[in-house]
Amino acid sequence: MVGRPRRRNLDEVDHALLELLRADGRISNVELAARSGVSEKTVRLRLARLESEHGLRYTAVLPEPDAASRLVCLLRTSPWKRDEVSAVLAGLPGVERTYLASGAADIVLLAGFPDDSAALGFLVESVQTVPGVESVQSCHLIGAVTSGRDGDAARSPIVDRGVLSELLLAGGVRQSVGELLGALCDAAAAGLGADRVLICRGEYGRGEPGRSVLEIVANRGVPREYVDEMSARLDGRVHGVLSRVAESRMHVAVHNAAADPLMSGLGDLVRDAGYTSLLALPMLYGDALLAVVCLYFDEPTVLTADYVAAAQQVVDFFSVSYARSLGLAPSGLPSNPPAI
């Protein structure tokens, strides 16, 4: 007998997609993919599963016009009358929220109206005449102040483990260097949510003037003009991010690349290229630094310890095959996908 399909638990990718859909139900799959850090194919598959297994539905709501006059009322009620009064107030036209309170007021009421005249009429003719209301203090709301964080909140990239598993399995059998590095770029973009990827080799600040210190071995989405101008400016001098990675053999995360001291002299290039955050990861084989893998993010991005660890695991997986292609690793050395 055919049973019902198994209902899988929601993961972080599902929750991210649902949050974006709650904010804009008409958002396209392409935009969902760009903002959630997964591929468009993954978005389509996830939405289909959410619809079939979890009953995801899309609805349209026509919002009421914004109230031109809004007020807050603090009410004192007769003893033992608070619940009764609050129930009456909550049903009055124009009332948006009614709260039970302690301290200076028994009830706090938020209401909105098309004009000040309607607001005054509500206060005098409706609120003050409710049985049990002893006193009312009111104030008009004249504007809203926000922190500015809501619209430009830093996002945290989503690690799509399903996509990574497929790409890493495929990446383990790549033969040419180009295919290998292309698979790494795919994993960084589709599995790790990077908007652009650049893989470079070089002296990282130990070069001589007149000789390029960088060799770009793979590029996914980074403007060519940025790469050329960056190479020219770094000719024979220290570049903070790359040299820091080379010296420490550890990753470097930059939240605001245009203003960070490690990107000194490159702020205008960063702004022209259109990215905000950067994660540079070492590709190591033993003590040898094979390359630096740079992940670029167009929006302000929070690079958590878990995310960085997952990204480094992906780079480490490809480092064995890359070292083999450079003649640094034995040809028979296996490359087993990490458990991310």
C-alpha atoms as a PDB file:
ATOM      1  CA  MET A   1       0.000   0.000   0.000  1.00  0.00           C
ATOM      2  CA  VAL A   2       1.299   3.433  -0.876  1.00  0.00           C
ATOM      3  CA  GLY A   3       1.645   5.534   2.244  1.00  0.00           C
ATOM      4  CA  ARG A   4       1.532   9.268   2.668  1.00  0.00           C
ATOM      5  CA  PRO A   5       4.728  11.110   1.723  1.00  0.00           C
ATOM      6  CA  ARG A   6       7.036  11.715   4.656  1.00  0.00           C
ATOM      7  CA  ARG A   7       6.813  15.247   5.980  1.00  0.00           C
ATOM      8  CA  ARG A   8      10.324  16.564   6.523  1.00  0.00           C
ATOM      9  CA  ASN A   9      11.186  19.152   9.141  1.00  0.00           C
ATOM     10  CA  LEU A  10      11.827  22.715   8.024  1.00  0.00           C
ATOM     11  CA  ASP A  11      15.490  23.722   7.884  1.00  0.00           C
ATOM     12  CA  GLU A  12      17.188  27.119   7.733  1.00  0.00           C
ATOM     13  CA  VAL A  13      16.730  27.380   3.958  1.00  0.00           C
ATOM     14  CA  ASP A  14      12.968  26.758   4.282  1.00  0.00           C
ATOM     15  CA  HIS A  15      12.645  29.343   7.057  1.00  0.00           C
ATOM     16  CA  ALA A  16      14.613  31.918   5.035  1.00  0.00           C
ATOM     17  CA  LEU A  17      12.350  31.436   2.005  1.00  0.00           C
ATOM     18  CA  LEU A  18       9.207  31.681   4.122  1.00  0.00           C
ATOM     19  CA  GLU A  19      10.427  34.904   5.746  1.00  0.00           C
ATOM     20  CA  LEU A  20      11.061  36.459   2.335  1.00  0.00           C
ATOM     21  CA  LEU A  21       7.645  35.352   1.090  1.00  0.00           C
ATOM     22  CA  ARG A  22       5.934  36.826   4.153  1.00  0.00           C
ATOM     23  CA  ALA A  23       7.546  40.167   3.353  1.00  0.00           C
ATOM     24  CA  ASP A  24       6.723  40.016  -0.370  1.00  0.00           C
ATOM     25  CA  GLY A  25       4.431  37.287  -1.651  1.00  0.00           C
ATOM     26  CA  ARG A  26       5.066  38.306  -5.269  1.00  0.00           C
ATOM     27  CA  ILE A  27       8.853  37.951  -5.106  1.00  0.00           C
ATOM     28  CA  SER A  28      10.280  35.948  -8.013  1.00  0.00           C
ATOM     29  CA  ASN A  29      12.195  32.690  -7.654  1.00  0.00           C
ATOM     30  CA  VAL A  30      15.289  34.400  -9.053  1.00  0.00           C
ATOM     31  CA  GLU A  31      15.096  37.094  -6.372  1.00  0.00           C
ATOM     32  CA  LEU A  32      14.422  34.481  -3.703  1.00  0.00           C
ATOM     33  CA  ALA A  33      17.558  32.658  -4.792  1.00  0.00           C
ATOM     34  CA  ALA A  34      19.669  35.820  -4.764  1.00  0.00           C
ATOM     35  CA  ARG A  35      18.474  36.945  -1.330  1.00  0.00           C
ATOM     36  CA  SER A  36      18.532  33.553   0.368  1.00  0.00           C
ATOM     37  CA  GLY A  37      21.896  32.479  -0.987  1.00  0.00           C
ATOM     38  CA  VAL A  38      20.798  29.315  -2.798  1.00  0.00           C
ATOM     39  CA  SER A  39      20.290  28.395  -6.452  1.00  0.00           C
ATOM     40  CA  GLU A  40      17.067  29.090  -8.346  1.00  0.00           C
ATOM     41  CA  LYS A  41      16.614  25.356  -8.844  1.00  0.00           C
ATOM     42  CA  THR A  42      16.818  24.846  -5.089  1.00  0.00           C
ATOM     43  CA  VAL A  43      14.157  27.542  -4.578  1.00  0.00           C
ATOM     44  CA  ARG A  44      11.769  25.805  -6.987  1.00  0.00           C
ATOM     45  CA  LEU A  45      12.277  22.420  -5.343  1.00  0.00           C
ATOM     46  CA  ARG A  46      11.917  23.809  -1.825  1.00  0.00           C
ATOM     47  CA  LEU A  47       8.730  25.732  -2.629  1.00  0.00           C
ATOM     48  CA  ALA A  48       7.201  22.667  -4.283  1.00  0.00           C
ATOM     49  CA  ARG A  49       7.987  20.613  -1.177  1.00  0.00           C
ATOM     50  CA  LEU A  50       6.611  23.305   1.145  1.00  0.00           C
ATOM     51  CA  GLU A  51       3.383  23.355  -0.865  1.00  0.00           C
ATOM     52  CA  SER A  52       2.946  19.579  -1.023  1.00  0.00           C
ATOM     53  CA  GLU A  53       4.183  18.584   2.439  1.00  0.00           C
ATOM     54  CA  HIS A  54       3.455  21.637   4.584  1.00  0.00           C
ATOM     55  CA  GLY A  55       0.458  23.221   2.855  1.00  0.00           C
ATOM     56  CA  LEU A  56       2.157  26.481   1.808  1.00  0.00           C
ATOM     57  CA  ARG A  57      -0.429  28.811   0.300  1.00  0.00           C
ATOM     58  CA  TYR A  58      -0.226  32.314  -1.167  1.00  0.00           C
ATOM     59  CA  THR A  59      -2.834  34.945  -0.320  1.00  0.00           C
ATOM     60  CA  ALA A  60      -3.508  38.565  -1.290  1.00  0.00           C
ATOM     61  CA  VAL A  61      -4.491  41.207   1.261  1.00  0.00           C
ATOM     62  CA  LEU A  62      -5.592  44.760   0.471  1.00  0.00           C
ATOM     63  CA  PRO A  63      -4.264  46.917   3.334  1.00  0.00           C
ATOM     64  CA  GLU A  64      -6.306  49.690   4.906  1.00  0.00           C
ATOM     65  CA  PRO A  65      -5.130  53.234   4.161  1.00  0.00           C
ATOM     66  CA  ASP A  66      -2.613  54.569   6.662  1.00  0.00           C
ATOM     67  CA  ALA A  67      -4.243  56.546   9.460  1.00  0.00           C
ATOM     68  CA  ALA A  68      -3.466  60.256   9.272  1.00  0.00           C
ATOM     69  CA  SER A  69      -4.056  60.810  12.989  1.00  0.00           C
ATOM     70  CA  ARG A  70      -2.904  58.233  15.533  1.00  0.00           C
ATOM     71  CA  LEU A  71      -3.039  58.445  19.297  1.00  0.00           C
ATOM     72  CA  VAL A  72      -2.106  56.503  22.402  1.00  0.00           C
ATOM     73  CA  CYS A  73      -4.415  56.535  25.437  1.00  0.00           C
ATOM     74  CA  LEU A  74      -3.468  55.586  29.010  1.00  0.00           C
ATOM     75  CA  LEU A  75      -6.575  54.716  31.014  1.00  0.00           C
ATOM     76  CA  ARG A  76      -7.326  54.215  34.681  1.00  0.00           C
ATOM     77  CA  THR A  77     -10.386  52.079  35.451  1.00  0.00           C
ATOM     78  CA  SER A  78     -12.589  51.452  38.458  1.00  0.00           C
ATOM     79  CA  PRO A  79     -11.525  48.536  40.687  1.00  0.00           C
ATOM     80  CA  TRP A  80     -12.171  45.121  39.089  1.00  0.00           C
ATOM     81  CA  LYS A  81     -13.356  46.755  35.851  1.00  0.00           C
ATOM     82  CA  ARG A  82     -10.172  46.525  33.767  1.00  0.00           C
ATOM     83  CA  ASP A  83     -11.027  43.360  31.824  1.00  0.00           C
ATOM     84  CA  GLU A  84     -14.565  44.504  31.122  1.00  0.00           C
ATOM     85  CA  VAL A  85     -13.454  47.960  29.948  1.00  0.00           C
ATOM     86  CA  SER A  86     -10.656  46.565  27.777  1.00  0.00           C
ATOM     87  CA  ALA A  87     -13.091  44.250  25.998  1.00  0.00           C
ATOM     88  CA  VAL A  88     -15.392  47.200  25.161  1.00  0.00           C
ATOM     89  CA  LEU A  89     -12.494  49.369  23.978  1.00  0.00           C
ATOM     90  CA  ALA A  90     -11.039  46.642  21.765  1.00  0.00           C
ATOM     91  CA  GLY A  91     -14.275  46.578  19.766  1.00  0.00           C
ATOM     92  CA  LEU A  92     -14.459  50.307  19.081  1.00  0.00           C
ATOM     93  CA  PRO A  93     -13.893  51.525  15.471  1.00  0.00           C
ATOM     94  CA  GLY A  94     -10.367  52.834  14.961  1.00  0.00           C
ATOM     95  CA  VAL A  95      -8.778  50.833  17.787  1.00  0.00           C
ATOM     96  CA  GLU A  96      -5.661  49.001  16.554  1.00  0.00           C
ATOM     97  CA  ARG A  97      -4.304  47.534  19.788  1.00  0.00           C
ATOM     98  CA  THR A  98      -5.491  47.267  23.376  1.00  0.00           C
ATOM     99  CA  TYR A  99      -3.070  46.229  26.129  1.00  0.00           C
ATOM    100  CA  LEU A 100      -3.542  45.440  29.803  1.00  0.00           C
ATOM    101  CA  ALA A 101      -0.893  47.263  31.817  1.00  0.00           C
ATOM    102  CA  SER A 102       0.424  47.897  35.305  1.00  0.00           C
ATOM    103  CA  GLY A 103       1.885  50.983  36.920  1.00  0.00           C
ATOM    104  CA  ALA A 104       0.739  54.356  35.591  1.00  0.00           C
ATOM    105  CA  ALA A 105      -2.161  52.872  33.610  1.00  0.00           C
ATOM    106  CA  ASP A 106      -4.515  49.914  33.710  1.00  0.00           C
ATOM    107  CA  ILE A 107      -5.045  49.893  29.936  1.00  0.00           C
ATOM    108  CA  VAL A 108      -2.966  51.231  27.047  1.00  0.00           C
ATOM    109  CA  LEU A 109      -4.835  51.790  23.792  1.00  0.00           C
ATOM    110  CA  LEU A 110      -3.490  52.545  20.302  1.00  0.00           C
ATOM    111  CA  ALA A 111      -5.909  53.941  17.712  1.00  0.00           C
ATOM    112  CA  GLY A 112      -5.813  55.554  14.268  1.00  0.00           C
ATOM    113  CA  PHE A 113      -8.184  57.853  12.376  1.00  0.00           C
ATOM    114  CA  PRO A 114      -8.388  59.713   9.049  1.00  0.00           C
ATOM    115  CA  ASP A 115      -7.997  63.143  10.710  1.00  0.00           C
ATOM    116  CA  ASP A 116      -7.558  64.914  14.067  1.00  0.00           C
ATOM    117  CA  SER A 117     -11.256  65.737  14.301  1.00  0.00           C
ATOM    118  CA  ALA A 118     -12.183  62.066  14.172  1.00  0.00           C
ATOM    119  CA  ALA A 119      -9.509  61.271  16.766  1.00  0.00           C
ATOM    120  CA  LEU A 120     -10.866  63.926  19.156  1.00  0.00           C
ATOM    121  CA  GLY A 121     -14.412  62.693  18.664  1.00  0.00           C
ATOM    122  CA  PHE A 122     -13.301  59.138  19.460  1.00  0.00           C
ATOM    123  CA  LEU A 123     -11.600  60.287  22.654  1.00  0.00           C
ATOM    124  CA  VAL A 124     -14.494  62.411  23.957  1.00  0.00           C
ATOM    125  CA  GLU A 125     -17.537  60.529  22.671  1.00  0.00           C
ATOM    126  CA  SER A 126     -16.322  56.928  22.815  1.00  0.00           C
ATOM    127  CA  VAL A 127     -13.491  56.351  25.280  1.00  0.00           C
ATOM    128  CA  GLN A 128     -14.495  58.703  28.068  1.00  0.00           C
ATOM    129  CA  THR A 129     -18.095  57.480  28.038  1.00  0.00           C
ATOM    130  CA  VAL A 130     -17.270  53.791  28.541  1.00  0.00           C
ATOM    131  CA  PRO A 131     -18.559  52.686  31.980  1.00  0.00           C
ATOM    132  CA  GLY A 132     -15.687  51.994  34.339  1.00  0.00           C
ATOM    133  CA  VAL A 133     -13.226  54.488  32.807  1.00  0.00           C
ATOM    134  CA  GLU A 134     -12.068  56.867  35.553  1.00  0.00           C
ATOM    135  CA  SER A 135      -9.405  58.891  33.748  1.00  0.00           C
ATOM    136  CA  VAL A 136      -7.777  59.112  30.319  1.00  0.00           C
ATOM    137  CA  GLN A 137      -4.436  60.594  29.282  1.00  0.00           C
ATOM    138  CA  SER A 138      -3.819  60.807  25.545  1.00  0.00           C
ATOM    139  CA  CYS A 139      -1.028  61.835  23.205  1.00  0.00           C
ATOM    140  CA  HIS A 140      -0.848  62.143  19.428  1.00  0.00           C
ATOM    141  CA  LEU A 141       1.846  60.245  17.527  1.00  0.00           C
ATOM    142  CA  ILE A 142       3.559  62.670  15.141  1.00  0.00           C
ATOM    143  CA  GLY A 143       6.237  60.430  13.623  1.00  0.00           C
ATOM    144  CA  ALA A 144       8.115  57.148  13.784  1.00  0.00           C
ATOM    145  CA  VAL A 145      11.832  56.755  14.488  1.00  0.00           C
ATOM    146  CA  THR A 146      13.626  53.570  13.433  1.00  0.00           C
ATOM    147  CA  SER A 147      17.137  52.331  14.063  1.00  0.00           C
ATOM    148  CA  GLY A 148      17.805  51.925  10.347  1.00  0.00           C
ATOM    149  CA  ARG A 149      18.745  48.300  10.908  1.00  0.00           C
ATOM    150  CA  ASP A 150      15.548  46.720   9.632  1.00  0.00           C
ATOM    151  CA  GLY A 151      15.857  47.698   6.002  1.00  0.00           C
ATOM    152  CA  ASP A 152      19.625  47.193   5.771  1.00  0.00           C
ATOM    153  CA  ALA A 153      20.026  44.341   8.200  1.00  0.00           C
ATOM    154  CA  ALA A 154      23.127  42.252   7.718  1.00  0.00           C
ATOM    155  CA  ARG A 155      22.247  38.788   6.484  1.00  0.00           C
ATOM    156  CA  SER A 156      23.948  35.551   7.286  1.00  0.00           C
ATOM    157  CA  PRO A 157      24.617  33.329   4.257  1.00  0.00           C
ATOM    158  CA  ILE A 158      22.742  30.047   4.170  1.00  0.00           C
ATOM    159  CA  VAL A 159      24.745  26.871   3.722  1.00  0.00           C
ATOM    160  CA  ASP A 160      22.738  24.622   1.395  1.00  0.00           C
ATOM    161  CA  ARG A 161      24.050  21.233   2.435  1.00  0.00           C
ATOM    162  CA  GLY A 162      22.053  19.375  -0.200  1.00  0.00           C
ATOM    163  CA  VAL A 163      23.538  21.412  -3.041  1.00  0.00           C
ATOM    164  CA  LEU A 164      27.021  21.165  -1.517  1.00  0.00           C
ATOM    165  CA  SER A 165      26.824  17.383  -1.260  1.00  0.00           C
ATOM    166  CA  GLU A 166      25.975  17.095  -4.958  1.00  0.00           C
ATOM    167  CA  LEU A 167      28.688  19.540  -6.029  1.00  0.00           C
ATOM    168  CA  LEU A 168      31.382  18.010  -3.820  1.00  0.00           C
ATOM    169  CA  LEU A 169      30.642  14.522  -5.066  1.00  0.00           C
ATOM    170  CA  ALA A 170      30.912  15.787  -8.638  1.00  0.00           C
ATOM    171  CA  GLY A 171      33.982  17.874  -7.810  1.00  0.00           C
ATOM    172  CA  GLY A 172      35.856  14.837  -6.555  1.00  0.00           C
ATOM    173  CA  VAL A 173      36.010  13.361 -10.054  1.00  0.00           C
ATOM    174  CA  ARG A 174      37.038  16.502 -11.950  1.00  0.00           C
ATOM    175  CA  GLN A 175      40.149  16.018 -14.071  1.00  0.00           C
ATOM    176  CA  SER A 176      41.362  19.361 -15.417  1.00  0.00           C
ATOM    177  CA  VAL A 177      42.408  22.291 -13.272  1.00  0.00           C
ATOM    178  CA  GLY A 178      39.774  24.465 -14.911  1.00  0.00           C
ATOM    179  CA  GLU A 179      37.000  22.008 -14.105  1.00  0.00           C
ATOM    180  CA  LEU A 180      38.253  21.636 -10.545  1.00  0.00           C
ATOM    181  CA  LEU A 181      38.340  25.356  -9.835  1.00  0.00           C
ATOM    182  CA  GLY A 182      35.028  25.802 -11.623  1.00  0.00           C
ATOM    183  CA  ALA A 183      33.480  23.227  -9.284  1.00  0.00           C
ATOM    184  CA  LEU A 184      34.881  25.115  -6.299  1.00  0.00           C
ATOM    185  CA  CYS A 185      33.317  28.346  -7.601  1.00  0.00           C
ATOM    186  CA  ASP A 186      29.997  26.521  -8.047  1.00  0.00           C
ATOM    187  CA  ALA A 187      30.156  25.226  -4.479  1.00  0.00           C
ATOM    188  CA  ALA A 188      30.946  28.699  -3.110  1.00  0.00           C
ATOM    189  CA  ALA A 189      28.134  30.372  -5.055  1.00  0.00           C
ATOM    190  CA  ALA A 190      25.349  27.779  -5.014  1.00  0.00           C
ATOM    191  CA  GLY A 191      26.182  25.977  -1.758  1.00  0.00           C
ATOM    192  CA  LEU A 192      27.716  28.727   0.383  1.00  0.00           C
ATOM    193  CA  GLY A 193      25.645  31.657  -0.902  1.00  0.00           C
ATOM    194  CA  ALA A 194      28.506  33.862  -2.143  1.00  0.00           C
ATOM    195  CA  ASP A 195      27.526  36.451  -4.752  1.00  0.00           C
ATOM    196  CA  ARG A 196      30.965  36.360  -6.424  1.00  0.00           C
ATOM    197  CA  VAL A 197      34.079  34.208  -6.130  1.00  0.00           C
ATOM    198  CA  LEU A 198      37.741  34.918  -6.911  1.00  0.00           C
ATOM    199  CA  ILE A 199      40.604  32.445  -6.528  1.00  0.00           C
ATOM    200  CA  CYS A 200      44.102  33.887  -6.726  1.00  0.00           C
ATOM    201  CA  ARG A 201      47.712  32.874  -6.286  1.00  0.00           C
ATOM    202  CA  GLY A 202      50.829  35.012  -5.898  1.00  0.00           C
ATOM    203  CA  GLU A 203      53.353  36.526  -3.535  1.00  0.00           C
ATOM    204  CA  TYR A 204      50.706  38.380  -1.508  1.00  0.00           C
ATOM    205  CA  GLY A 205      52.790  41.473  -0.804  1.00  0.00           C
ATOM    206  CA  ARG A 206      56.264  39.989  -1.158  1.00  0.00           C
ATOM    207  CA  GLY A 207      56.596  40.842  -4.844  1.00  0.00           C
ATOM    208  CA  GLU A 208      58.846  43.438  -6.453  1.00  0.00           C
ATOM    209  CA  PRO A 209      57.692  46.704  -8.078  1.00  0.00           C
ATOM    210  CA  GLY A 210      57.006  46.265 -11.757  1.00  0.00           C
ATOM    211  CA  ARG A 211      55.949  42.633 -11.395  1.00  0.00           C
ATOM    212  CA  SER A 212      52.392  41.538 -10.792  1.00  0.00           C
ATOM    213  CA  VAL A 213      51.997  39.823  -7.414  1.00  0.00           C
ATOM    214  CA  LEU A 214      48.658  38.222  -8.205  1.00  0.00           C
ATOM    215  CA  GLU A 215      47.599  35.467 -10.553  1.00  0.00           C
ATOM    216  CA  ILE A 216      43.851  35.050 -10.918  1.00  0.00           C
ATOM    217  CA  VAL A 217      43.219  31.352 -11.444  1.00  0.00           C
ATOM    218  CA  ALA A 218      39.406  31.436 -11.291  1.00  0.00           C
ATOM    219  CA  ASN A 219      36.792  34.164 -11.355  1.00  0.00           C
ATOM    220  CA  ARG A 220      33.036  33.906 -10.907  1.00  0.00           C
ATOM    221  CA  GLY A 221      31.212  37.235 -11.207  1.00  0.00           C
ATOM    222  CA  VAL A 222      33.958  39.663 -10.153  1.00  0.00           C
ATOM    223  CA  PRO A 223      34.189  42.516 -12.706  1.00  0.00           C
ATOM    224  CA  ARG A 224      37.274  42.248 -14.905  1.00  0.00           C
ATOM    225  CA  GLU A 225      37.946  45.965 -14.437  1.00  0.00           C
ATOM    226  CA  TYR A 226      38.115  45.418 -10.664  1.00  0.00           C
ATOM    227  CA  VAL A 227      40.556  42.534 -11.063  1.00  0.00           C
ATOM    228  CA  ASP A 228      42.846  44.439 -13.443  1.00  0.00           C
ATOM    229  CA  GLU A 229      42.874  47.636 -11.383  1.00  0.00           C
ATOM    230  CA  MET A 230      43.380  45.719  -8.128  1.00  0.00           C
ATOM    231  CA  SER A 231      46.362  43.862  -9.626  1.00  0.00           C
ATOM    232  CA  ALA A 232      47.851  47.148 -10.839  1.00  0.00           C
ATOM    233  CA  ARG A 233      47.501  48.855  -7.458  1.00  0.00           C
ATOM    234  CA  LEU A 234      48.936  45.870  -5.607  1.00  0.00           C
ATOM    235  CA  ASP A 235      51.942  45.546  -7.900  1.00  0.00           C
ATOM    236  CA  GLY A 236      54.870  45.072  -5.526  1.00  0.00           C
ATOM    237  CA  ARG A 237      53.179  46.142  -2.298  1.00  0.00           C
ATOM    238  CA  VAL A 238      51.393  44.585   0.653  1.00  0.00           C
ATOM    239  CA  HIS A 239      47.667  43.911   0.361  1.00  0.00           C
ATOM    240  CA  GLY A 240      46.205  43.618   3.844  1.00  0.00           C
ATOM    241  CA  VAL A 241      43.670  40.839   3.359  1.00  0.00           C
ATOM    242  CA  LEU A 242      45.754  38.525   1.195  1.00  0.00           C
ATOM    243  CA  SER A 243      48.962  39.076   3.137  1.00  0.00           C
ATOM    244  CA  ARG A 244      47.105  38.482   6.409  1.00  0.00           C
ATOM    245  CA  VAL A 245      45.808  35.160   5.085  1.00  0.00           C
ATOM    246  CA  ALA A 246      49.281  34.225   3.801  1.00  0.00           C
ATOM    247  CA  GLU A 247      50.988  35.063   7.079  1.00  0.00           C
ATOM    248  CA  SER A 248      48.455  33.546   9.456  1.00  0.00           C
ATOM    249  CA  ARG A 249      47.259  30.649   7.269  1.00  0.00           C
ATOM    250  CA  MET A 250      43.818  31.576   8.604  1.00  0.00           C
ATOM    251  CA  HIS A 251      40.719  33.161   7.130  1.00  0.00           C
ATOM    252  CA  VAL A 252      40.046  36.899   7.136  1.00  0.00           C
ATOM    253  CA  ALA A 253      36.479  38.237   7.280  1.00  0.00           C
ATOM    254  CA  VAL A 254      35.708  41.846   6.344  1.00  0.00           C
ATOM    255  CA  HIS A 255      32.224  43.185   7.074  1.00  0.00           C
ATOM    256  CA  ASN A 256      32.532  46.557   5.308  1.00  0.00           C
ATOM    257  CA  ALA A 257      35.246  46.266   2.692  1.00  0.00           C
ATOM    258  CA  ALA A 258      34.995  49.863   1.491  1.00  0.00           C
ATOM    259  CA  ALA A 259      35.941  51.221   4.921  1.00  0.00           C
ATOM    260  CA  ASP A 260      38.110  48.484   6.432  1.00  0.00           C
ATOM    261  CA  PRO A 261      41.814  49.361   6.999  1.00  0.00           C
ATOM    262  CA  LEU A 262      42.817  46.026   5.483  1.00  0.00           C
ATOM    263  CA  MET A 263      41.401  47.286   2.168  1.00  0.00           C
ATOM    264  CA  SER A 264      43.279  50.577   2.320  1.00  0.00           C
ATOM    265  CA  GLY A 265      43.563  52.206  -1.086  1.00  0.00           C
ATOM    266  CA  LEU A 266      40.876  49.993  -2.620  1.00  0.00           C
ATOM    267  CA  GLY A 267      37.691  51.577  -1.212  1.00  0.00           C
ATOM    268  CA  ASP A 268      36.699  53.165  -4.513  1.00  0.00           C
ATOM    269  CA  LEU A 269      37.209  49.859  -6.325  1.00  0.00           C
ATOM    270  CA  VAL A 270      35.052  48.068  -3.779  1.00  0.00           C
ATOM    271  CA  ARG A 271      32.222  50.559  -4.235  1.00  0.00           C
ATOM    272  CA  ASP A 272      32.463  50.396  -8.038  1.00  0.00           C
ATOM    273  CA  ALA A 273      32.485  46.583  -7.969  1.00  0.00           C
ATOM    274  CA  GLY A 274      29.315  46.642  -5.863  1.00  0.00           C
ATOM    275  CA  TYR A 275      30.184  44.279  -3.020  1.00  0.00           C
ATOM    276  CA  THR A 276      30.141  44.964   0.711  1.00  0.00           C
ATOM    277  CA  SER A 277      31.495  42.007   2.681  1.00  0.00           C
ATOM    278  CA  LEU A 278      34.396  39.673   1.983  1.00  0.00           C
ATOM    279  CA  LEU A 279      35.638  36.334   3.286  1.00  0.00           C
ATOM    280  CA  ALA A 280      39.157  35.239   2.272  1.00  0.00           C
ATOM    281  CA  LEU A 281      40.032  31.596   2.940  1.00  0.00           C
ATOM    282  CA  PRO A 282      43.410  29.858   2.627  1.00  0.00           C
ATOM    283  CA  MET A 283      43.695  26.854   0.329  1.00  0.00           C
ATOM    284  CA  LEU A 284      46.381  24.797   2.039  1.00  0.00           C
ATOM    285  CA  TYR A 285      48.152  21.540   1.389  1.00  0.00           C
ATOM    286  CA  GLY A 286      50.242  20.856   4.455  1.00  0.00           C
ATOM    287  CA  ASP A 287      52.234  24.042   5.049  1.00  0.00           C
ATOM    288  CA  ALA A 288      51.973  25.152   1.421  1.00  0.00           C
ATOM    289  CA  LEU A 289      49.551  27.942   0.588  1.00  0.00           C
ATOM    290  CA  LEU A 290      48.171  26.959  -2.802  1.00  0.00           C
ATOM    291  CA  ALA A 291      45.785  29.885  -3.267  1.00  0.00           C
ATOM    292  CA  VAL A 292      43.406  32.252  -1.513  1.00  0.00           C
ATOM    293  CA  VAL A 293      39.681  31.792  -2.141  1.00  0.00           C
ATOM    294  CA  CYS A 294      37.737  35.056  -1.809  1.00  0.00           C
ATOM    295  CA  LEU A 295      33.961  35.029  -1.348  1.00  0.00           C
ATOM    296  CA  TYR A 296      32.219  38.349  -2.012  1.00  0.00           C
ATOM    297  CA  PHE A 297      28.791  39.375  -0.718  1.00  0.00           C
ATOM    298  CA  ASP A 298      26.856  42.268  -2.227  1.00  0.00           C
ATOM    299  CA  GLU A 299      24.906  43.001   0.971  1.00  0.00           C
ATOM    300  CA  PRO A 300      26.205  43.515   4.543  1.00  0.00           C
ATOM    301  CA  THR A 301      26.845  39.972   5.723  1.00  0.00           C
ATOM    302  CA  VAL A 302      27.325  38.333   9.113  1.00  0.00           C
ATOM    303  CA  LEU A 303      29.959  35.622   8.759  1.00  0.00           C
ATOM    304  CA  THR A 304      29.369  33.359  11.741  1.00  0.00           C
ATOM    305  CA  ALA A 305      31.913  30.867  13.071  1.00  0.00           C
ATOM    306  CA  ASP A 306      29.776  27.971  11.817  1.00  0.00           C
ATOM    307  CA  TYR A 307      29.568  29.472   8.344  1.00  0.00           C
ATOM    308  CA  VAL A 308      33.313  30.105   8.141  1.00  0.00           C
ATOM    309  CA  ALA A 309      34.018  26.550   9.325  1.00  0.00           C
ATOM    310  CA  ALA A 310      31.743  25.132   6.615  1.00  0.00           C
ATOM    311  CA  ALA A 311      33.334  27.330   3.937  1.00  0.00           C
ATOM    312  CA  GLN A 312      36.828  26.291   5.009  1.00  0.00           C
ATOM    313  CA  GLN A 313      35.823  22.622   4.843  1.00  0.00           C
ATOM    314  CA  VAL A 314      34.719  23.090   1.248  1.00  0.00           C
ATOM    315  CA  VAL A 315      38.014  24.768   0.321  1.00  0.00           C
ATOM    316  CA  ASP A 316      40.024  22.075   2.145  1.00  0.00           C
ATOM    317  CA  PHE A 317      38.224  19.374   0.169  1.00  0.00           C
ATOM    318  CA  PHE A 318      39.256  20.900  -3.166  1.00  0.00           C
ATOM    319  CA  SER A 319      42.793  21.670  -1.970  1.00  0.00           C
ATOM    320  CA  VAL A 320      43.854  18.008  -2.217  1.00  0.00           C
ATOM    321  CA  SER A 321      42.855  17.738  -5.871  1.00  0.00           C
ATOM    322  CA  TYR A 322      44.390  21.126  -6.628  1.00  0.00           C
ATOM    323  CA  ALA A 323      47.659  20.122  -4.952  1.00  0.00           C
ATOM    324  CA  ARG A 324      47.627  16.963  -7.057  1.00  0.00           C
ATOM    325  CA  SER A 325      47.227  19.028 -10.225  1.00  0.00           C
ATOM    326  CA  LEU A 326      50.245  21.130  -9.169  1.00  0.00           C
ATOM    327  CA  GLY A 327      52.349  18.013  -8.553  1.00  0.00           C
ATOM    328  CA  LEU A 328      52.410  18.513  -4.774  1.00  0.00           C
ATOM    329  CA  ALA A 329      50.210  15.548  -3.799  1.00  0.00           C
ATOM    330  CA  PRO A 330      50.357  11.888  -4.823  1.00  0.00           C
ATOM    331  CA  SER A 331      47.939  10.971  -7.593  1.00  0.00           C
ATOM    332  CA  GLY A 332      46.308   8.188  -5.591  1.00  0.00           C
ATOM    333  CA  LEU A 333      45.391  10.375  -2.601  1.00  0.00           C
ATOM    334  CA  PRO A 334      41.601  10.235  -2.133  1.00  0.00           C
ATOM    335  CA  SER A 335      39.411  13.309  -1.782  1.00  0.00           C
ATOM    336  CA  ASN A 336      36.488  12.422   0.453  1.00  0.00           C
ATOM    337  CA  PRO A 337      33.668  14.990   0.704  1.00  0.00           C
ATOM    338  CA  PRO A 338      33.440  16.489   4.224  1.00  0.00           C
ATOM    339  CA  ALA A 339      30.371  16.010   6.385  1.00  0.00           C
ATOM    340  CA  ILE A 340      29.143  19.610   6.359  1.00  0.00           C
END
